[in-house]
Each structure stands twice: as C-alpha cells, then as structure tokens.
Amino acid sequence: MKFDNRVQRYKHLFTKADKEIVNYIKNNQFDDNFSTINSLANSVGISPATITRFSNKLDYENFQDMKFNLQQEMTNQEIENSPLIQKIHNYHQNTIQQTGEFISDIDIQNFVNQIMRSRQIIFAGLGSSGLTATEFYYRTMRMGLKGNVSTDSHQMKIVASLLTGSDTFVAISNSGETTELISAAGIAQQQGAFVVAITNYEGSALTACADLVLITTDQSRNNDTRFINTQIATHFLIDIVSYLLLDDEHLHRVYQKTKDVILHDKP
C-alpha cells in the first residue's frame, strides 16, 4: 500500500509528532535526510524512537521498510503530460489505483452477501454522495432487489426508524462526518438493521455506528481545485459490488429483462 493511503487509513491514530513526520515527508524531496533514521529524526526534530513507532503504526516492518517504499514511490513518478485529457485521465487512473489498495475481497463479499439476504436495502447520502447513493439504488433495483434511496436529511431519519433486523442501511459519505447521515445510521442500527458505511476514513464518526466499513481513497489529496469529481472512488467500489451481484443467475436474468424493456420500449 502506498504511503499516502497508509496515512489516510491510520491518521485517526496519529500524534502531533506523527503529523510532523507526514508533513516533512510530503514537503521534502527524497534526499540525504532520509538516509538513516537518525538523520530523518534530526531533520524533523523528533527522536528516532518516534519514527520507529510511526513506521510500525503505518504497518511497515521498520524504518528501512518505510524508506524503501518511499524511495520507490518518490523516484518512479511518471512525467506529467501537458494535454488536459491526459491530465484528467491520470486523475481517474490514480484514484482507481489508490482505491484498489483499500478494497478487501472479504469485506466486499460480506457486503454482497448482506445485500442478497436483506429484505430491503436503503441507500443514503447527501450532496454528491446522494447522487452516488441514487445510482447504487437504481442498479440494485434493476436486479430486482427491494429497497429505496434517501437524499434528504429528514427523510433518511424517518426511513431509518422504520427498518428492522432484516434490512440493510448503506450510508455513503466521503468525510464520514456528515451529521445528518450519522444520525440516520445510528437510528437504523438501533432498529436492528445492518449498517454499511462507505467512506474515506476508518476512524470517522460514521464508522462508529457501522457493522461493516468499506474504505475508498480520499480524493481531496488532489490539490487541483478545478478537478471537482469526488465520486470516482465510490463508483469504482459499486462497480465491483454490481459485478459480483450479477454473478447470481437470477439477478443477472432480471437485470437483462429490465435492460431489454428499456431498449425495446417504443412510444
């Protein structure tokens, strides 16, 4: 897993010193200061032991393992192409590659199994995440799965309060800190529903009331303020879920039926 993805995954565990290490690494070239643990510690202004703990916190074996991986990432960057189309292509490609490092086969399969055994699935999100929730709902609806979508803060709480232990509530939020969605997810869990959180941050407030957490990459790491698509990572994840759902013959048959109805419908 790349350094930036490790930082995203474990940042809720960071101390002030850990954040200083991250800032130093991100703002400096890979030079002699990275040659030994002592030189890096001296450059950041902390102890070597702190860097060792930081390396372990990011799930590296030790400082040398972190150094080797950083060297690979920092020295093997592609040359930036000038055309706009190539730039946007790279943004999409990097987002998908980074998200691929977060996705767990076991978690995805558990999610698919949960969807298939649910009486109904409620997809919820606000803003752009609400649009993604709507897309997710339409896909499952065309497979014959029962459910609904909620993109209104009041409605999602009402819907959540009517759920049972046979239902699933899918909460989508990049930050994982959307207050209204967190409240609705909490209500759904209190009702006994299975709550799935799709978010960028494992330690976010939304994950505290989730039975299953699926992590996608944080696209805000891209500092280009003109690139405003925040949903690529989540759409990549639901593409995987959709593909696995359609492994089921019945769901695939129903989906093809709805596809034929649309394609062959004549005024």
C-alpha atoms as a PDB file:
ATOM      1  CA  MET A   1       0.000   0.000   0.000  1.00  0.00           C
ATOM      2  CA  LYS A   2       1.288   3.453  -0.920  1.00  0.00           C
ATOM      3  CA  PHE A   3       2.407   5.893   1.764  1.00  0.00           C
ATOM      4  CA  ASP A   4      -0.481   8.352   1.203  1.00  0.00           C
ATOM      5  CA  ASN A   5      -3.023   5.556   1.527  1.00  0.00           C
ATOM      6  CA  ARG A   6      -1.424   4.359   4.758  1.00  0.00           C
ATOM      7  CA  VAL A   7      -1.595   7.913   6.116  1.00  0.00           C
ATOM      8  CA  GLN A   8      -5.271   8.134   5.192  1.00  0.00           C
ATOM      9  CA  ARG A   9      -6.050   4.788   6.815  1.00  0.00           C
ATOM     10  CA  TYR A  10      -4.259   5.376  10.123  1.00  0.00           C
ATOM     11  CA  LYS A  11      -4.437   9.167  10.559  1.00  0.00           C
ATOM     12  CA  HIS A  12      -7.007   8.828  13.355  1.00  0.00           C
ATOM     13  CA  LEU A  13      -4.216   7.241  15.412  1.00  0.00           C
ATOM     14  CA  PHE A  14      -1.642   9.989  14.787  1.00  0.00           C
ATOM     15  CA  THR A  15       0.046  12.005  17.486  1.00  0.00           C
ATOM     16  CA  LYS A  16       1.311  15.549  16.935  1.00  0.00           C
ATOM     17  CA  ALA A  17       4.781  14.128  16.199  1.00  0.00           C
ATOM     18  CA  ASP A  18       3.328  11.703  13.642  1.00  0.00           C
ATOM     19  CA  LYS A  19       1.702  14.606  11.797  1.00  0.00           C
ATOM     20  CA  GLU A  20       5.042  16.447  11.757  1.00  0.00           C
ATOM     21  CA  ILE A  21       6.695  13.403  10.146  1.00  0.00           C
ATOM     22  CA  VAL A  22       3.981  13.242   7.481  1.00  0.00           C
ATOM     23  CA  ASN A  23       4.303  16.948   6.703  1.00  0.00           C
ATOM     24  CA  TYR A  24       8.077  16.679   6.409  1.00  0.00           C
ATOM     25  CA  ILE A  25       7.924  13.683   4.071  1.00  0.00           C
ATOM     26  CA  LYS A  26       5.303  15.303   1.851  1.00  0.00           C
ATOM     27  CA  ASN A  27       7.075  18.656   1.641  1.00  0.00           C
ATOM     28  CA  ASN A  28      10.645  17.497   1.022  1.00  0.00           C
ATOM     29  CA  GLN A  29      12.469  15.674  -1.731  1.00  0.00           C
ATOM     30  CA  PHE A  30      13.909  12.231  -1.099  1.00  0.00           C
ATOM     31  CA  ASP A  31      17.477  13.298  -0.212  1.00  0.00           C
ATOM     32  CA  ASP A  32      20.271  12.549   2.263  1.00  0.00           C
ATOM     33  CA  ASN A  33      17.993  13.378   5.186  1.00  0.00           C
ATOM     34  CA  PHE A  34      16.233  10.074   4.510  1.00  0.00           C
ATOM     35  CA  SER A  35      19.448   8.042   4.521  1.00  0.00           C
ATOM     36  CA  THR A  36      19.257   6.963   8.183  1.00  0.00           C
ATOM     37  CA  ILE A  37      16.663   7.023  10.911  1.00  0.00           C
ATOM     38  CA  ASN A  38      18.845   9.434  12.900  1.00  0.00           C
ATOM     39  CA  SER A  39      19.205  11.928  10.036  1.00  0.00           C
ATOM     40  CA  LEU A  40      15.449  11.925   9.385  1.00  0.00           C
ATOM     41  CA  ALA A  41      14.705  12.311  13.103  1.00  0.00           C
ATOM     42  CA  ASN A  42      17.146  15.224  13.320  1.00  0.00           C
ATOM     43  CA  SER A  43      15.549  16.914  10.268  1.00  0.00           C
ATOM     44  CA  VAL A  44      12.034  16.604  11.685  1.00  0.00           C
ATOM     45  CA  GLY A  45      13.126  17.492  15.231  1.00  0.00           C
ATOM     46  CA  ILE A  46      11.980  14.335  16.979  1.00  0.00           C
ATOM     47  CA  SER A  47      13.544  11.136  18.368  1.00  0.00           C
ATOM     48  CA  PRO A  48      14.459   8.063  16.299  1.00  0.00           C
ATOM     49  CA  ALA A  49      12.145   6.011  18.516  1.00  0.00           C
ATOM     50  CA  THR A  50       9.222   8.188  17.427  1.00  0.00           C
ATOM     51  CA  ILE A  51       9.990   7.429  13.776  1.00  0.00           C
ATOM     52  CA  THR A  52      10.149   3.716  14.557  1.00  0.00           C
ATOM     53  CA  ARG A  53       6.732   3.852  16.228  1.00  0.00           C
ATOM     54  CA  PHE A  54       5.392   5.869  13.290  1.00  0.00           C
ATOM     55  CA  SER A  55       6.694   3.275  10.802  1.00  0.00           C
ATOM     56  CA  ASN A  56       5.028   0.484  12.750  1.00  0.00           C
ATOM     57  CA  LYS A  57       1.819   2.477  13.034  1.00  0.00           C
ATOM     58  CA  LEU A  58       1.680   2.655   9.240  1.00  0.00           C
ATOM     59  CA  ASP A  59       2.158  -1.123   9.115  1.00  0.00           C
ATOM     60  CA  TYR A  60       5.721  -1.037   7.794  1.00  0.00           C
ATOM     61  CA  GLU A  61       8.085  -3.621   9.273  1.00  0.00           C
ATOM     62  CA  ASN A  62      10.547  -0.918  10.327  1.00  0.00           C
ATOM     63  CA  PHE A  63      12.104   2.376   9.206  1.00  0.00           C
ATOM     64  CA  GLN A  64      14.111   0.696   6.445  1.00  0.00           C
ATOM     65  CA  ASP A  65      10.943  -0.843   5.014  1.00  0.00           C
ATOM     66  CA  MET A  66       9.243   2.566   5.027  1.00  0.00           C
ATOM     67  CA  LYS A  67      12.307   4.200   3.473  1.00  0.00           C
ATOM     68  CA  PHE A  68      12.484   1.632   0.660  1.00  0.00           C
ATOM     69  CA  ASN A  69       8.793   2.031  -0.178  1.00  0.00           C
ATOM     70  CA  LEU A  70       9.018   5.828  -0.108  1.00  0.00           C
ATOM     71  CA  GLN A  71      12.056   5.736  -2.379  1.00  0.00           C
ATOM     72  CA  GLN A  72      10.151   3.610  -4.891  1.00  0.00           C
ATOM     73  CA  GLU A  73       7.185   5.975  -4.857  1.00  0.00           C
ATOM     74  CA  MET A  74       9.147   9.226  -4.993  1.00  0.00           C
ATOM     75  CA  THR A  75      11.625   8.254  -7.691  1.00  0.00           C
ATOM     76  CA  ASN A  76       9.308   6.410 -10.090  1.00  0.00           C
ATOM     77  CA  GLN A  77       6.837   9.162 -10.875  1.00  0.00           C
ATOM     78  CA  GLU A  78       5.595   9.497 -14.425  1.00  0.00           C
ATOM     79  CA  ILE A  79       6.374  12.625 -16.404  1.00  0.00           C
ATOM     80  CA  GLU A  80       3.331  14.924 -16.402  1.00  0.00           C
ATOM     81  CA  ASN A  81       1.736  15.228 -19.806  1.00  0.00           C
ATOM     82  CA  SER A  82       0.534  18.651 -20.870  1.00  0.00           C
ATOM     83  CA  PRO A  83      -2.804  17.988 -22.641  1.00  0.00           C
ATOM     84  CA  LEU A  84      -5.887  18.362 -20.461  1.00  0.00           C
ATOM     85  CA  ILE A  85      -7.315  15.000 -21.466  1.00  0.00           C
ATOM     86  CA  GLN A  86      -4.148  13.235 -20.299  1.00  0.00           C
ATOM     87  CA  LYS A  87      -4.235  15.123 -17.013  1.00  0.00           C
ATOM     88  CA  ILE A  88      -7.826  14.135 -16.231  1.00  0.00           C
ATOM     89  CA  HIS A  89      -7.096  10.574 -17.345  1.00  0.00           C
ATOM     90  CA  ASN A  90      -4.239  10.445 -14.832  1.00  0.00           C
ATOM     91  CA  TYR A  91      -6.505  11.768 -12.058  1.00  0.00           C
ATOM     92  CA  HIS A  92      -9.019   8.994 -12.713  1.00  0.00           C
ATOM     93  CA  GLN A  93      -6.348   6.344 -13.041  1.00  0.00           C
ATOM     94  CA  ASN A  94      -4.600   7.327  -9.816  1.00  0.00           C
ATOM     95  CA  THR A  95      -7.867   7.418  -7.874  1.00  0.00           C
ATOM     96  CA  ILE A  96      -8.847   3.938  -9.022  1.00  0.00           C
ATOM     97  CA  GLN A  97      -5.374   2.565  -8.332  1.00  0.00           C
ATOM     98  CA  GLN A  98      -5.333   4.015  -4.827  1.00  0.00           C
ATOM     99  CA  THR A  99      -8.842   2.793  -4.029  1.00  0.00           C
ATOM    100  CA  GLY A 100      -7.876  -0.672  -5.219  1.00  0.00           C
ATOM    101  CA  GLU A 101      -5.383  -0.832  -2.352  1.00  0.00           C
ATOM    102  CA  PHE A 102      -8.105  -0.224   0.225  1.00  0.00           C
ATOM    103  CA  ILE A 103     -10.702  -2.689  -1.008  1.00  0.00           C
ATOM    104  CA  SER A 104     -10.822  -6.020   0.808  1.00  0.00           C
ATOM    105  CA  ASP A 105     -12.179  -9.085  -1.011  1.00  0.00           C
ATOM    106  CA  ILE A 106     -13.616 -10.405   2.239  1.00  0.00           C
ATOM    107  CA  ASP A 107     -15.399  -7.138   3.098  1.00  0.00           C
ATOM    108  CA  ILE A 108     -16.798  -6.784  -0.415  1.00  0.00           C
ATOM    109  CA  GLN A 109     -18.084 -10.358  -0.425  1.00  0.00           C
ATOM    110  CA  ASN A 110     -19.647  -9.846   3.015  1.00  0.00           C
ATOM    111  CA  PHE A 111     -21.369  -6.752   1.649  1.00  0.00           C
ATOM    112  CA  VAL A 112     -22.694  -8.646  -1.381  1.00  0.00           C
ATOM    113  CA  ASN A 113     -23.967 -11.482   0.818  1.00  0.00           C
ATOM    114  CA  GLN A 114     -25.671  -8.993   3.124  1.00  0.00           C
ATOM    115  CA  ILE A 115     -27.418  -7.274   0.205  1.00  0.00           C
ATOM    116  CA  MET A 116     -28.707 -10.573  -1.164  1.00  0.00           C
ATOM    117  CA  ARG A 117     -30.162 -11.734   2.153  1.00  0.00           C
ATOM    118  CA  SER A 118     -31.772  -8.393   3.049  1.00  0.00           C
ATOM    119  CA  ARG A 119     -35.494  -7.768   2.958  1.00  0.00           C
ATOM    120  CA  GLN A 120     -34.699  -4.293   1.656  1.00  0.00           C
ATOM    121  CA  ILE A 121     -31.657  -2.049   1.208  1.00  0.00           C
ATOM    122  CA  ILE A 122     -31.770   1.679   1.909  1.00  0.00           C
ATOM    123  CA  PHE A 123     -29.046   3.768   0.253  1.00  0.00           C
ATOM    124  CA  ALA A 124     -28.442   7.173   1.847  1.00  0.00           C
ATOM    125  CA  GLY A 125     -26.193  10.157   1.201  1.00  0.00           C
ATOM    126  CA  LEU A 126     -26.235  13.935   0.906  1.00  0.00           C
ATOM    127  CA  GLY A 127     -24.892  16.174  -1.859  1.00  0.00           C
ATOM    128  CA  SER A 128     -22.686  14.369  -4.376  1.00  0.00           C
ATOM    129  CA  SER A 129     -22.777  11.265  -2.207  1.00  0.00           C
ATOM    130  CA  GLY A 130     -26.554  11.371  -2.546  1.00  0.00           C
ATOM    131  CA  LEU A 131     -26.177  11.130  -6.325  1.00  0.00           C
ATOM    132  CA  THR A 132     -23.944   8.088  -5.866  1.00  0.00           C
ATOM    133  CA  ALA A 133     -26.475   6.553  -3.463  1.00  0.00           C
ATOM    134  CA  THR A 134     -29.145   7.066  -6.135  1.00  0.00           C
ATOM    135  CA  GLU A 135     -27.016   5.344  -8.767  1.00  0.00           C
ATOM    136  CA  PHE A 136     -26.366   2.427  -6.415  1.00  0.00           C
ATOM    137  CA  TYR A 137     -30.093   2.100  -5.724  1.00  0.00           C
ATOM    138  CA  TYR A 138     -31.018   2.138  -9.431  1.00  0.00           C
ATOM    139  CA  ARG A 139     -28.549  -0.640 -10.141  1.00  0.00           C
ATOM    140  CA  THR A 140     -29.909  -2.933  -7.436  1.00  0.00           C
ATOM    141  CA  MET A 141     -33.496  -2.050  -8.300  1.00  0.00           C
ATOM    142  CA  ARG A 142     -32.904  -3.198 -11.878  1.00  0.00           C
ATOM    143  CA  MET A 143     -31.677  -6.503 -10.483  1.00  0.00           C
ATOM    144  CA  GLY A 144     -34.998  -6.981  -8.708  1.00  0.00           C
ATOM    145  CA  LEU A 145     -33.675  -6.202  -5.232  1.00  0.00           C
ATOM    146  CA  LYS A 146     -36.068  -4.345  -2.939  1.00  0.00           C
ATOM    147  CA  GLY A 147     -35.082  -1.035  -1.438  1.00  0.00           C
ATOM    148  CA  ASN A 148     -35.057   2.722  -1.743  1.00  0.00           C
ATOM    149  CA  VAL A 149     -32.782   5.748  -1.733  1.00  0.00           C
ATOM    150  CA  SER A 150     -32.848   8.742   0.591  1.00  0.00           C
ATOM    151  CA  THR A 151     -31.004  12.012  -0.095  1.00  0.00           C
ATOM    152  CA  ASP A 152     -32.983  14.216   2.287  1.00  0.00           C
ATOM    153  CA  SER A 153     -31.752  14.659   5.869  1.00  0.00           C
ATOM    154  CA  HIS A 154     -35.224  14.393   7.447  1.00  0.00           C
ATOM    155  CA  GLN A 155     -36.463  11.594   5.219  1.00  0.00           C
ATOM    156  CA  MET A 156     -33.460   9.362   5.873  1.00  0.00           C
ATOM    157  CA  LYS A 157     -34.093   9.511   9.620  1.00  0.00           C
ATOM    158  CA  ILE A 158     -37.746   8.610   9.128  1.00  0.00           C
ATOM    159  CA  VAL A 159     -36.865   5.728   6.804  1.00  0.00           C
ATOM    160  CA  ALA A 160     -34.186   4.514   9.244  1.00  0.00           C
ATOM    161  CA  SER A 161     -36.696   4.459  12.109  1.00  0.00           C
ATOM    162  CA  LEU A 162     -38.890   2.012  10.152  1.00  0.00           C
ATOM    163  CA  LEU A 163     -36.170  -0.555   9.475  1.00  0.00           C
ATOM    164  CA  THR A 164     -35.870  -3.982  11.094  1.00  0.00           C
ATOM    165  CA  GLY A 165     -33.205  -6.599  11.650  1.00  0.00           C
ATOM    166  CA  SER A 166     -33.928  -7.937   8.161  1.00  0.00           C
ATOM    167  CA  ASP A 167     -32.866  -4.696   6.455  1.00  0.00           C
ATOM    168  CA  THR A 168     -29.614  -3.017   5.400  1.00  0.00           C
ATOM    169  CA  PHE A 169     -28.793   0.695   5.588  1.00  0.00           C
ATOM    170  CA  VAL A 170     -25.954   1.846   3.299  1.00  0.00           C
ATOM    171  CA  ALA A 171     -24.521   5.224   4.331  1.00  0.00           C
ATOM    172  CA  ILE A 172     -22.243   6.998   1.840  1.00  0.00           C
ATOM    173  CA  SER A 173     -20.058   9.921   2.941  1.00  0.00           C
ATOM    174  CA  ASN A 174     -16.517  10.805   1.854  1.00  0.00           C
ATOM    175  CA  SER A 175     -15.653  12.548   5.112  1.00  0.00           C
ATOM    176  CA  GLY A 176     -17.630  10.214   7.363  1.00  0.00           C
ATOM    177  CA  GLU A 177     -18.586  13.298   9.386  1.00  0.00           C
ATOM    178  CA  THR A 178     -21.934  14.238   7.803  1.00  0.00           C
ATOM    179  CA  THR A 179     -24.020  14.855  10.922  1.00  0.00           C
ATOM    180  CA  GLU A 180     -27.448  14.076   9.448  1.00  0.00           C
ATOM    181  CA  LEU A 181     -26.254  10.831   7.879  1.00  0.00           C
ATOM    182  CA  ILE A 182     -24.540   9.735  11.094  1.00  0.00           C
ATOM    183  CA  SER A 183     -27.770  10.340  12.983  1.00  0.00           C
ATOM    184  CA  ALA A 184     -29.785   8.297  10.473  1.00  0.00           C
ATOM    185  CA  ALA A 185     -27.233   5.461  10.550  1.00  0.00           C
ATOM    186  CA  GLY A 186     -27.409   5.430  14.347  1.00  0.00           C
ATOM    187  CA  ILE A 187     -31.197   5.170  14.235  1.00  0.00           C
ATOM    188  CA  ALA A 188     -31.007   2.343  11.698  1.00  0.00           C
ATOM    189  CA  GLN A 189     -28.595   0.425  13.911  1.00  0.00           C
ATOM    190  CA  GLN A 190     -30.826   0.932  16.959  1.00  0.00           C
ATOM    191  CA  GLN A 191     -33.663  -0.619  14.952  1.00  0.00           C
ATOM    192  CA  GLY A 192     -31.507  -3.684  14.386  1.00  0.00           C
ATOM    193  CA  ALA A 193     -30.689  -3.018  10.708  1.00  0.00           C
ATOM    194  CA  PHE A 194     -27.245  -3.902   9.344  1.00  0.00           C
ATOM    195  CA  VAL A 195     -25.385  -0.643   8.682  1.00  0.00           C
ATOM    196  CA  VAL A 196     -22.720  -0.341   5.980  1.00  0.00           C
ATOM    197  CA  ALA A 197     -20.526   2.774   5.852  1.00  0.00           C
ATOM    198  CA  ILE A 198     -18.756   3.717   2.608  1.00  0.00           C
ATOM    199  CA  THR A 199     -16.282   6.456   3.468  1.00  0.00           C
ATOM    200  CA  ASN A 200     -12.670   7.648   3.176  1.00  0.00           C
ATOM    201  CA  TYR A 201     -11.791   7.396   6.860  1.00  0.00           C
ATOM    202  CA  GLU A 202     -11.785   4.361   9.103  1.00  0.00           C
ATOM    203  CA  GLY A 203     -11.821   6.395  12.296  1.00  0.00           C
ATOM    204  CA  SER A 204     -14.605   8.784  11.274  1.00  0.00           C
ATOM    205  CA  ALA A 205     -17.777   9.260  13.325  1.00  0.00           C
ATOM    206  CA  LEU A 206     -19.879   7.368  10.764  1.00  0.00           C
ATOM    207  CA  THR A 207     -17.844   4.190  11.235  1.00  0.00           C
ATOM    208  CA  ALA A 208     -18.707   4.135  14.943  1.00  0.00           C
ATOM    209  CA  CYS A 209     -22.300   3.149  14.095  1.00  0.00           C
ATOM    210  CA  ALA A 210     -21.494   0.760  11.238  1.00  0.00           C
ATOM    211  CA  ASP A 211     -21.407  -3.035  11.185  1.00  0.00           C
ATOM    212  CA  LEU A 212     -19.256  -3.039   8.041  1.00  0.00           C
ATOM    213  CA  VAL A 213     -16.886  -0.307   6.822  1.00  0.00           C
ATOM    214  CA  LEU A 214     -15.694  -0.004   3.218  1.00  0.00           C
ATOM    215  CA  ILE A 215     -12.860   2.472   2.654  1.00  0.00           C
ATOM    216  CA  THR A 216     -12.261   4.458  -0.540  1.00  0.00           C
ATOM    217  CA  THR A 217      -9.391   6.819  -1.301  1.00  0.00           C
ATOM    218  CA  ASP A 218      -9.557  10.470  -0.259  1.00  0.00           C
ATOM    219  CA  GLN A 219      -9.690  12.467  -3.500  1.00  0.00           C
ATOM    220  CA  SER A 220      -9.141  15.752  -1.662  1.00  0.00           C
ATOM    221  CA  ARG A 221      -5.443  14.816  -1.736  1.00  0.00           C
ATOM    222  CA  ASN A 222      -5.567  16.069  -5.305  1.00  0.00           C
ATOM    223  CA  ASN A 223      -4.785  19.765  -4.914  1.00  0.00           C
ATOM    224  CA  ASP A 224      -6.172  20.784  -8.319  1.00  0.00           C
ATOM    225  CA  THR A 225      -9.214  22.859  -7.330  1.00  0.00           C
ATOM    226  CA  ARG A 226     -10.643  22.622 -10.845  1.00  0.00           C
ATOM    227  CA  PHE A 227     -10.979  18.853 -10.628  1.00  0.00           C
ATOM    228  CA  ILE A 228     -14.235  18.516  -8.701  1.00  0.00           C
ATOM    229  CA  ASN A 229     -15.303  14.899  -9.228  1.00  0.00           C
ATOM    230  CA  THR A 230     -15.426  13.448  -5.706  1.00  0.00           C
ATOM    231  CA  GLN A 231     -17.221  10.201  -6.528  1.00  0.00           C
ATOM    232  CA  ILE A 232     -14.833   8.230  -8.756  1.00  0.00           C
ATOM    233  CA  ALA A 233     -13.566   6.049  -5.915  1.00  0.00           C
ATOM    234  CA  THR A 234     -17.042   5.169  -4.667  1.00  0.00           C
ATOM    235  CA  HIS A 235     -18.286   4.416  -8.180  1.00  0.00           C
ATOM    236  CA  PHE A 236     -15.322   2.080  -8.635  1.00  0.00           C
ATOM    237  CA  LEU A 237     -16.383   0.253  -5.479  1.00  0.00           C
ATOM    238  CA  ILE A 238     -20.034  -0.074  -6.531  1.00  0.00           C
ATOM    239  CA  ASP A 239     -18.897  -1.326  -9.954  1.00  0.00           C
ATOM    240  CA  ILE A 240     -17.183  -4.201  -8.137  1.00  0.00           C
ATOM    241  CA  VAL A 241     -20.257  -4.875  -5.985  1.00  0.00           C
ATOM    242  CA  SER A 242     -22.554  -4.752  -9.020  1.00  0.00           C
ATOM    243  CA  TYR A 243     -20.348  -7.183 -10.919  1.00  0.00           C
ATOM    244  CA  LEU A 244     -20.390  -9.659  -8.035  1.00  0.00           C
ATOM    245  CA  LEU A 245     -24.156  -9.360  -7.607  1.00  0.00           C
ATOM    246  CA  LEU A 246     -24.635 -10.186 -11.271  1.00  0.00           C
ATOM    247  CA  ASP A 247     -22.750 -13.450 -10.745  1.00  0.00           C
ATOM    248  CA  ASP A 248     -26.089 -14.633  -9.383  1.00  0.00           C
ATOM    249  CA  GLU A 249     -28.085 -16.107 -12.268  1.00  0.00           C
ATOM    250  CA  HIS A 250     -31.438 -14.823 -11.052  1.00  0.00           C
ATOM    251  CA  LEU A 251     -30.221 -11.256 -10.538  1.00  0.00           C
ATOM    252  CA  HIS A 252     -28.481 -11.326 -13.901  1.00  0.00           C
ATOM    253  CA  ARG A 253     -31.614 -12.569 -15.629  1.00  0.00           C
ATOM    254  CA  VAL A 254     -33.758  -9.872 -14.023  1.00  0.00           C
ATOM    255  CA  TYR A 255     -31.233  -7.182 -14.944  1.00  0.00           C
ATOM    256  CA  GLN A 256     -31.210  -8.322 -18.567  1.00  0.00           C
ATOM    257  CA  LYS A 257     -35.004  -8.278 -18.581  1.00  0.00           C
ATOM    258  CA  THR A 258     -35.133  -4.666 -17.370  1.00  0.00           C
ATOM    259  CA  LYS A 259     -32.426  -3.758 -19.876  1.00  0.00           C
ATOM    260  CA  ASP A 260     -34.448  -5.279 -22.721  1.00  0.00           C
ATOM    261  CA  VAL A 261     -37.593  -3.475 -21.601  1.00  0.00           C
ATOM    262  CA  ILE A 262     -35.797  -0.127 -21.802  1.00  0.00           C
ATOM    263  CA  LEU A 263     -34.016  -0.826 -25.089  1.00  0.00           C
ATOM    264  CA  HIS A 264     -37.069  -2.196 -26.871  1.00  0.00           C
ATOM    265  CA  ASP A 265     -39.644   0.193 -25.460  1.00  0.00           C
ATOM    266  CA  LYS A 266     -41.308   2.124 -28.262  1.00  0.00           C
ATOM    267  CA  PRO A 267     -43.592   5.158 -27.964  1.00  0.00           C
END
